[in-house]
Amino acid sequence: MLSFAFVVGATAPFLLGLIKPVIGLAEGISLLSIGLLVAAVFVFVAVKVFLKKDRIQGDSI
């Protein structure tokens, strides 16, 4: 999950550099916010689906 967040965060400036000349800075930042919101939803779903299986129970230690 953390690596997915880092990948999305690292590609955001690159994508903004590609988008800015075409549609402008303000619109590019708005589009990136939508992409980051989608990435946050993916991380939330991953937490809900996989965290119960991967966590250590307190009484099992």
C-alpha atoms as a PDB file:
ATOM      1  CA  MET A   1       0.000   0.000   0.000  1.00  0.00           C
ATOM      2  CA  LEU A   2       2.741   2.375   0.924  1.00  0.00           C
ATOM      3  CA  SER A   3       4.680   1.715  -2.265  1.00  0.00           C
ATOM      4  CA  PHE A   4       1.545   2.395  -4.318  1.00  0.00           C
ATOM      5  CA  ALA A   5       1.173   5.746  -2.575  1.00  0.00           C
ATOM      6  CA  PHE A   6       4.833   6.571  -3.253  1.00  0.00           C
ATOM      7  CA  VAL A   7       4.500   5.669  -6.941  1.00  0.00           C
ATOM      8  CA  VAL A   8       1.440   7.871  -7.354  1.00  0.00           C
ATOM      9  CA  GLY A   9       3.113  10.718  -5.468  1.00  0.00           C
ATOM     10  CA  ALA A  10       6.306  10.433  -7.495  1.00  0.00           C
ATOM     11  CA  THR A  11       4.567  10.466 -10.873  1.00  0.00           C
ATOM     12  CA  ALA A  12       2.350  13.451 -10.031  1.00  0.00           C
ATOM     13  CA  PRO A  13       4.970  16.155 -10.821  1.00  0.00           C
ATOM     14  CA  PHE A  14       5.901  14.382 -14.054  1.00  0.00           C
ATOM     15  CA  LEU A  15       2.282  14.194 -15.146  1.00  0.00           C
ATOM     16  CA  LEU A  16       1.747  17.841 -14.211  1.00  0.00           C
ATOM     17  CA  GLY A  17       4.698  18.765 -16.418  1.00  0.00           C
ATOM     18  CA  LEU A  18       3.071  16.943 -19.329  1.00  0.00           C
ATOM     19  CA  ILE A  19      -0.406  18.353 -18.715  1.00  0.00           C
ATOM     20  CA  LYS A  20       0.527  21.995 -18.011  1.00  0.00           C
ATOM     21  CA  PRO A  21       1.405  23.079 -21.571  1.00  0.00           C
ATOM     22  CA  VAL A  22      -1.762  21.522 -22.949  1.00  0.00           C
ATOM     23  CA  ILE A  23      -4.489  22.661 -20.543  1.00  0.00           C
ATOM     24  CA  GLY A  24      -2.773  25.008 -18.076  1.00  0.00           C
ATOM     25  CA  LEU A  25      -1.514  24.825 -14.530  1.00  0.00           C
ATOM     26  CA  ALA A  26      -4.794  25.264 -12.631  1.00  0.00           C
ATOM     27  CA  GLU A  27      -6.633  22.635 -14.648  1.00  0.00           C
ATOM     28  CA  GLY A  28      -3.652  20.280 -14.433  1.00  0.00           C
ATOM     29  CA  ILE A  29      -3.589  20.492 -10.654  1.00  0.00           C
ATOM     30  CA  SER A  30      -7.346  19.882 -10.598  1.00  0.00           C
ATOM     31  CA  LEU A  31      -6.942  16.765 -12.732  1.00  0.00           C
ATOM     32  CA  LEU A  32      -4.126  15.501 -10.526  1.00  0.00           C
ATOM     33  CA  SER A  33      -6.306  15.950  -7.448  1.00  0.00           C
ATOM     34  CA  ILE A  34      -8.876  13.646  -9.027  1.00  0.00           C
ATOM     35  CA  GLY A  35      -6.145  11.094  -9.730  1.00  0.00           C
ATOM     36  CA  LEU A  36      -4.856  11.301  -6.158  1.00  0.00           C
ATOM     37  CA  LEU A  37      -8.393  10.879  -4.852  1.00  0.00           C
ATOM     38  CA  VAL A  38      -8.740   7.690  -6.912  1.00  0.00           C
ATOM     39  CA  ALA A  39      -5.398   6.472  -5.536  1.00  0.00           C
ATOM     40  CA  ALA A  40      -6.623   7.156  -1.990  1.00  0.00           C
ATOM     41  CA  VAL A  41      -9.727   5.065  -2.664  1.00  0.00           C
ATOM     42  CA  PHE A  42      -7.521   2.192  -3.901  1.00  0.00           C
ATOM     43  CA  VAL A  43      -5.399   2.362  -0.746  1.00  0.00           C
ATOM     44  CA  PHE A  44      -8.541   2.445   1.419  1.00  0.00           C
ATOM     45  CA  VAL A  45      -9.912  -0.644  -0.335  1.00  0.00           C
ATOM     46  CA  ALA A  46      -6.575  -2.420   0.114  1.00  0.00           C
ATOM     47  CA  VAL A  47      -6.618  -1.649   3.846  1.00  0.00           C
ATOM     48  CA  LYS A  48     -10.156  -2.969   4.226  1.00  0.00           C
ATOM     49  CA  VAL A  49      -9.496  -6.144   2.201  1.00  0.00           C
ATOM     50  CA  PHE A  50      -5.986  -7.175   3.254  1.00  0.00           C
ATOM     51  CA  LEU A  51      -5.331  -5.721   6.703  1.00  0.00           C
ATOM     52  CA  LYS A  52      -7.433  -8.260   8.612  1.00  0.00           C
ATOM     53  CA  LYS A  53      -5.507 -11.155   7.054  1.00  0.00           C
ATOM     54  CA  ASP A  54      -2.054  -9.634   7.608  1.00  0.00           C
ATOM     55  CA  ARG A  55      -2.264  -8.240  11.124  1.00  0.00           C
ATOM     56  CA  ILE A  56      -0.940 -10.022  14.205  1.00  0.00           C
ATOM     57  CA  GLN A  57      -3.450 -10.739  16.955  1.00  0.00           C
ATOM     58  CA  GLY A  58      -2.510  -9.390  20.376  1.00  0.00           C
ATOM     59  CA  ASP A  59      -2.924 -12.691  22.252  1.00  0.00           C
ATOM     60  CA  SER A  60      -0.937 -14.762  19.730  1.00  0.00           C
ATOM     61  CA  ILE A  61       2.429 -13.281  20.683  1.00  0.00           C
END
